[in-house]
Amino acid sequence: MLDLPSRPPHRRKPPDVRRVVRSRVVHPRSDRGPPDGAQHPQTHQRLASGRRPRRALTSRSGFMTGQDVSGRSFRPLRRRGIQRLAQEQWGSGRSVWSTDTEDRELVVDQIEVREEDANGRVCDVLGVAAGTRVWARSRRFVLDGKPVLFAMSYLPSDVVADSAITQVDTGPGGAYARLAELGHAPVHFREEIRSRMPSADEAERLSLSMGTPVIHIVRTAFAEGGRVVEVNEMTLDSASYVLEYDFDA
């Protein structure tokens, strides 16, 4: 009988390609790995499965840059989950995003702000009766020309009515700074994180490559006394993010 290998070719190549990439032998000016069709410098074998080893290496080793749906390189965004929500951050007028983006270009588009009846899921988290009015804020975040996240926030109307939170531009420090001015400063946050495959609409809004999962984060902001003052549902392109949580024991 033939002694057939138990693993497909593209799964057998990553360790070898890893050495080639790190040595910059095949494609010295690229940080995305050898191009498709490149040859191994010692064996002269054609690396015909180039794209698949690159995907495997990116997911396992994390040393390559990501790519958007057009194939452009994209450096993943490091989301510092604790530091970005510190009161000294938004309380001093800085955006929570400034902790993550450094000197990269961030654009917020597809902004919609409206008052509506809260659905059952939002009512449960806010701890209010069905049909309670809330202000809903929807927006998409585009980093270096690549859509990376869209979010929908819900805030109780009796808290934020007639404030800047009901406007497109919430001002320095964002919604949390405005909540503090209204006497409802967030003092505690909770985030729940899940990963799943995107819907067709989500894949289109985030310009996702085929097979890329999304990360779904639901953040709840609590004011003094335990009242929930915001529910924020965020959908992230998983290939564009590293989620970092740095805290003391």
Protein backbone atom coordinates (compact mmCIF):
# COMPACT_ATOMS: atom_id res chain seq x y z
CA MET A 1 0.00 0.00 0.00
CA LEU A 2 1.05 3.56 -0.58
CA ASP A 3 2.21 5.43 2.50
CA LEU A 4 0.06 8.51 2.01
CA PRO A 5 0.65 11.54 4.24
CA SER A 6 -2.14 12.17 6.75
CA ARG A 7 -2.13 15.96 6.27
CA PRO A 8 -2.95 17.93 3.11
CA PRO A 9 -0.06 19.74 1.42
CA HIS A 10 -0.95 23.23 2.60
CA ARG A 11 -0.96 21.98 6.20
CA ARG A 12 2.46 20.34 5.81
CA LYS A 13 4.15 23.47 4.43
CA PRO A 14 3.69 26.18 7.11
CA PRO A 15 6.70 25.21 9.30
CA ASP A 16 8.98 25.27 6.24
CA VAL A 17 7.50 28.49 4.85
CA ARG A 18 7.87 30.06 8.30
CA ARG A 19 11.65 29.62 8.15
CA VAL A 20 11.76 31.03 4.63
CA VAL A 21 9.68 34.08 5.57
CA ARG A 22 11.73 34.84 8.66
CA SER A 23 14.97 34.57 6.71
CA ARG A 24 13.54 36.82 3.94
CA VAL A 25 15.13 34.45 1.39
CA VAL A 26 12.21 34.08 -1.00
CA HIS A 27 10.70 37.55 -0.91
CA PRO A 28 12.94 39.88 1.15
CA ARG A 29 10.90 43.06 0.72
CA SER A 30 7.54 41.61 1.77
CA ASP A 31 6.05 41.21 5.23
CA ARG A 32 3.22 39.10 3.85
CA GLY A 33 5.21 35.97 3.05
CA PRO A 34 6.38 34.45 -0.27
CA PRO A 35 4.25 35.15 -3.34
CA ASP A 36 2.18 32.37 -4.87
CA GLY A 37 4.30 30.27 -7.18
CA ALA A 38 7.59 31.09 -5.43
CA GLN A 39 10.21 28.34 -5.17
CA HIS A 40 11.89 27.03 -2.05
CA PRO A 41 15.58 28.06 -2.22
CA GLN A 42 16.94 24.62 -1.23
CA THR A 43 14.46 22.11 -2.71
CA HIS A 44 13.30 24.31 -5.63
CA GLN A 45 9.79 22.99 -5.09
CA ARG A 46 7.01 25.27 -6.25
CA LEU A 47 5.08 26.72 -3.30
CA ALA A 48 1.80 26.31 -5.13
CA SER A 49 -0.27 26.45 -1.96
CA GLY A 50 1.11 29.84 -0.94
CA ARG A 51 -2.16 31.47 0.06
CA ARG A 52 -3.26 28.63 2.32
CA PRO A 53 0.00 28.41 4.31
CA ARG A 54 -0.10 32.18 4.73
CA ARG A 55 -3.58 31.96 6.21
CA ALA A 56 -2.50 29.13 8.49
CA LEU A 57 0.59 31.04 9.62
CA THR A 58 -1.36 34.22 10.22
CA SER A 59 -3.89 32.43 12.42
CA ARG A 60 -1.33 30.36 14.35
CA SER A 61 1.73 32.57 14.65
CA GLY A 62 0.37 36.08 14.30
CA PHE A 63 3.59 37.49 12.82
CA MET A 64 2.14 38.42 9.43
CA THR A 65 0.00 41.41 8.63
CA GLY A 66 -3.65 40.85 7.83
CA GLN A 67 -5.34 41.61 4.52
CA ASP A 68 -8.67 43.20 3.66
CA VAL A 69 -11.02 41.86 1.02
CA SER A 70 -9.03 43.64 -1.72
CA GLY A 71 -5.79 41.96 -0.62
CA ARG A 72 -4.19 45.09 0.86
CA SER A 73 -1.99 44.66 3.93
CA PHE A 74 -3.57 45.76 7.21
CA ARG A 75 -1.87 45.90 10.60
CA PRO A 76 -4.28 44.53 13.24
CA LEU A 77 -5.60 46.99 15.80
CA ARG A 78 -4.70 46.24 19.42
CA ARG A 79 -7.84 46.91 21.47
CA ARG A 80 -6.83 47.60 25.07
CA GLY A 81 -10.06 46.60 26.75
CA ILE A 82 -9.38 48.01 30.23
CA GLN A 83 -7.26 51.11 29.66
CA ARG A 84 -9.59 52.49 26.98
CA LEU A 85 -12.53 52.69 29.42
CA ALA A 86 -10.66 54.36 32.29
CA GLN A 87 -12.35 57.53 33.57
CA GLU A 88 -9.11 59.46 33.18
CA GLN A 89 -9.36 58.71 29.47
CA TRP A 90 -12.85 59.97 28.55
CA GLY A 91 -13.02 62.25 31.60
CA SER A 92 -10.18 64.34 30.17
CA GLY A 93 -11.93 64.75 26.83
CA ARG A 94 -10.11 62.01 24.94
CA SER A 95 -11.89 59.41 22.85
CA VAL A 96 -11.76 55.81 24.10
CA TRP A 97 -10.38 55.01 20.64
CA SER A 98 -7.27 57.13 21.16
CA THR A 99 -5.83 54.36 23.37
CA ASP A 100 -5.99 51.91 20.46
CA THR A 101 -5.35 53.87 17.28
CA GLU A 102 -2.10 55.67 18.15
CA ASP A 103 -1.27 57.77 15.06
CA ARG A 104 -3.46 55.85 12.62
CA GLU A 105 -6.31 57.46 10.69
CA LEU A 106 -9.77 56.75 12.14
CA VAL A 107 -12.96 57.79 10.36
CA VAL A 108 -16.48 57.33 11.73
CA ASP A 109 -19.18 57.02 9.07
CA GLN A 110 -22.69 55.64 8.56
CA ILE A 111 -23.80 57.55 11.66
CA GLU A 112 -27.48 57.39 12.61
CA VAL A 113 -28.99 58.82 15.79
CA ARG A 114 -32.67 58.32 16.60
CA GLU A 115 -35.15 57.83 19.42
CA GLU A 116 -37.05 54.56 19.40
CA ASP A 117 -38.83 51.98 21.53
CA ALA A 118 -36.32 49.59 23.09
CA ASN A 119 -36.62 45.98 21.98
CA GLY A 120 -36.98 43.17 24.49
CA ARG A 121 -33.27 42.34 24.62
CA VAL A 122 -32.27 45.94 25.35
CA CYS A 123 -35.09 46.34 27.89
CA ASP A 124 -33.82 43.31 29.79
CA VAL A 125 -30.29 44.73 30.06
CA LEU A 126 -31.45 48.25 30.89
CA GLY A 127 -33.90 46.87 33.45
CA VAL A 128 -36.84 48.84 32.03
CA ALA A 129 -40.37 48.01 30.91
CA ALA A 130 -41.13 46.94 27.36
CA GLY A 131 -41.57 49.88 25.03
CA THR A 132 -39.40 52.26 27.06
CA ARG A 133 -37.96 54.98 24.85
CA VAL A 134 -34.23 55.00 24.25
CA TRP A 135 -31.80 56.91 22.07
CA ALA A 136 -30.03 54.62 19.60
CA ARG A 137 -26.66 55.56 18.10
CA SER A 138 -25.38 53.54 15.12
CA ARG A 139 -21.98 54.11 13.51
CA ARG A 140 -19.16 52.38 11.64
CA PHE A 141 -15.44 52.81 12.33
CA VAL A 142 -12.95 52.81 9.45
CA LEU A 143 -9.24 52.58 10.26
CA ASP A 144 -6.63 53.34 7.60
CA GLY A 145 -9.38 52.98 4.98
CA LYS A 146 -10.48 49.54 6.27
CA PRO A 147 -13.89 49.07 8.02
CA VAL A 148 -13.09 47.34 11.32
CA LEU A 149 -16.18 47.71 13.53
CA PHE A 150 -19.76 48.91 13.65
CA ALA A 151 -21.62 49.62 16.86
CA MET A 152 -25.13 50.30 18.12
CA SER A 153 -25.55 52.02 21.50
CA TYR A 154 -28.78 52.35 23.46
CA LEU A 155 -29.19 54.97 26.21
CA PRO A 156 -32.33 55.69 28.28
CA SER A 157 -34.25 58.71 26.99
CA ASP A 158 -35.03 59.96 30.49
CA VAL A 159 -31.28 60.27 31.09
CA VAL A 160 -29.97 61.68 27.81
CA ALA A 161 -32.88 63.64 26.33
CA ASP A 162 -31.90 67.11 25.02
CA SER A 163 -28.19 66.40 25.56
CA ALA A 164 -25.34 66.20 23.04
CA ILE A 165 -25.73 62.41 23.12
CA THR A 166 -28.77 62.84 20.89
CA GLN A 167 -26.61 64.63 18.29
CA VAL A 168 -24.26 63.17 15.69
CA ASP A 169 -21.23 64.74 17.42
CA THR A 170 -21.24 64.01 21.15
CA GLY A 171 -18.25 66.28 21.80
CA PRO A 172 -14.87 65.72 23.56
CA GLY A 173 -14.77 62.52 25.58
CA GLY A 174 -17.83 61.14 23.82
CA ALA A 175 -21.03 59.84 25.38
CA TYR A 176 -19.39 58.88 28.68
CA ALA A 177 -18.19 62.43 29.30
CA ARG A 178 -21.69 63.72 28.54
CA LEU A 179 -23.23 61.16 30.91
CA ALA A 180 -20.90 62.45 33.63
CA GLU A 181 -22.10 66.00 33.00
CA LEU A 182 -25.68 64.75 33.36
CA GLY A 183 -24.89 63.23 36.75
CA HIS A 184 -24.78 59.62 35.48
CA ALA A 185 -21.05 58.98 35.04
CA PRO A 186 -20.21 55.34 34.34
CA VAL A 187 -18.42 53.78 37.32
CA HIS A 188 -18.42 50.15 36.19
CA PHE A 189 -18.36 48.31 32.86
CA ARG A 190 -19.09 44.75 31.82
CA GLU A 191 -18.19 43.25 28.42
CA GLU A 192 -19.43 39.94 27.05
CA ILE A 193 -17.49 38.57 24.07
CA ARG A 194 -18.49 35.95 21.54
CA SER A 195 -17.25 34.88 18.12
CA ARG A 196 -19.43 33.73 15.23
CA MET A 197 -19.75 33.84 11.47
CA PRO A 198 -21.16 37.10 10.06
CA SER A 199 -24.49 37.68 8.40
CA ALA A 200 -24.45 38.82 4.77
CA ASP A 201 -25.13 42.41 5.87
CA GLU A 202 -22.30 42.35 8.43
CA ALA A 203 -19.85 40.92 5.88
CA GLU A 204 -20.76 43.71 3.45
CA ARG A 205 -20.52 46.52 6.01
CA LEU A 206 -17.10 45.34 7.19
CA SER A 207 -15.82 44.32 3.73
CA LEU A 208 -14.93 40.89 5.11
CA SER A 209 -13.00 38.27 3.20
CA MET A 210 -14.83 34.98 2.75
CA GLY A 211 -14.70 32.78 5.85
CA THR A 212 -13.70 35.57 8.27
CA PRO A 213 -15.59 35.41 11.61
CA VAL A 214 -16.73 38.45 13.55
CA ILE A 215 -16.30 39.20 17.24
CA HIS A 216 -19.48 40.34 18.97
CA ILE A 217 -18.99 42.45 22.11
CA VAL A 218 -21.83 43.69 24.29
CA ARG A 219 -20.72 46.36 26.75
CA THR A 220 -22.93 47.50 29.62
CA ALA A 221 -22.15 50.76 31.45
CA PHE A 222 -23.35 51.20 35.04
CA ALA A 223 -23.71 54.47 36.93
CA GLU A 224 -23.48 54.91 40.70
CA GLY A 225 -26.21 52.86 42.36
CA GLY A 226 -26.10 50.20 39.66
CA ARG A 227 -28.33 51.81 37.05
CA VAL A 228 -27.51 50.79 33.49
CA VAL A 229 -26.95 53.93 31.41
CA GLU A 230 -25.75 52.39 28.16
CA VAL A 231 -25.83 49.12 26.25
CA ASN A 232 -23.37 49.01 23.35
CA GLU A 233 -23.45 46.15 20.85
CA MET A 234 -20.27 46.03 18.74
CA THR A 235 -19.41 43.81 15.77
CA LEU A 236 -15.69 43.56 14.96
CA ASP A 237 -13.77 42.13 12.04
CA SER A 238 -11.83 39.40 13.85
CA ALA A 239 -8.91 39.59 11.40
CA SER A 240 -8.47 43.30 12.20
CA TYR A 241 -8.18 42.98 15.97
CA VAL A 242 -6.04 41.79 18.83
CA LEU A 243 -8.03 41.95 22.09
CA GLU A 244 -5.69 42.89 24.94
CA TYR A 245 -6.61 42.79 28.64
CA ASP A 246 -3.81 43.99 30.92
CA PHE A 247 -4.60 44.05 34.66
CA ASP A 248 -3.05 43.34 38.04
CA ALA A 249 -3.59 40.13 39.98
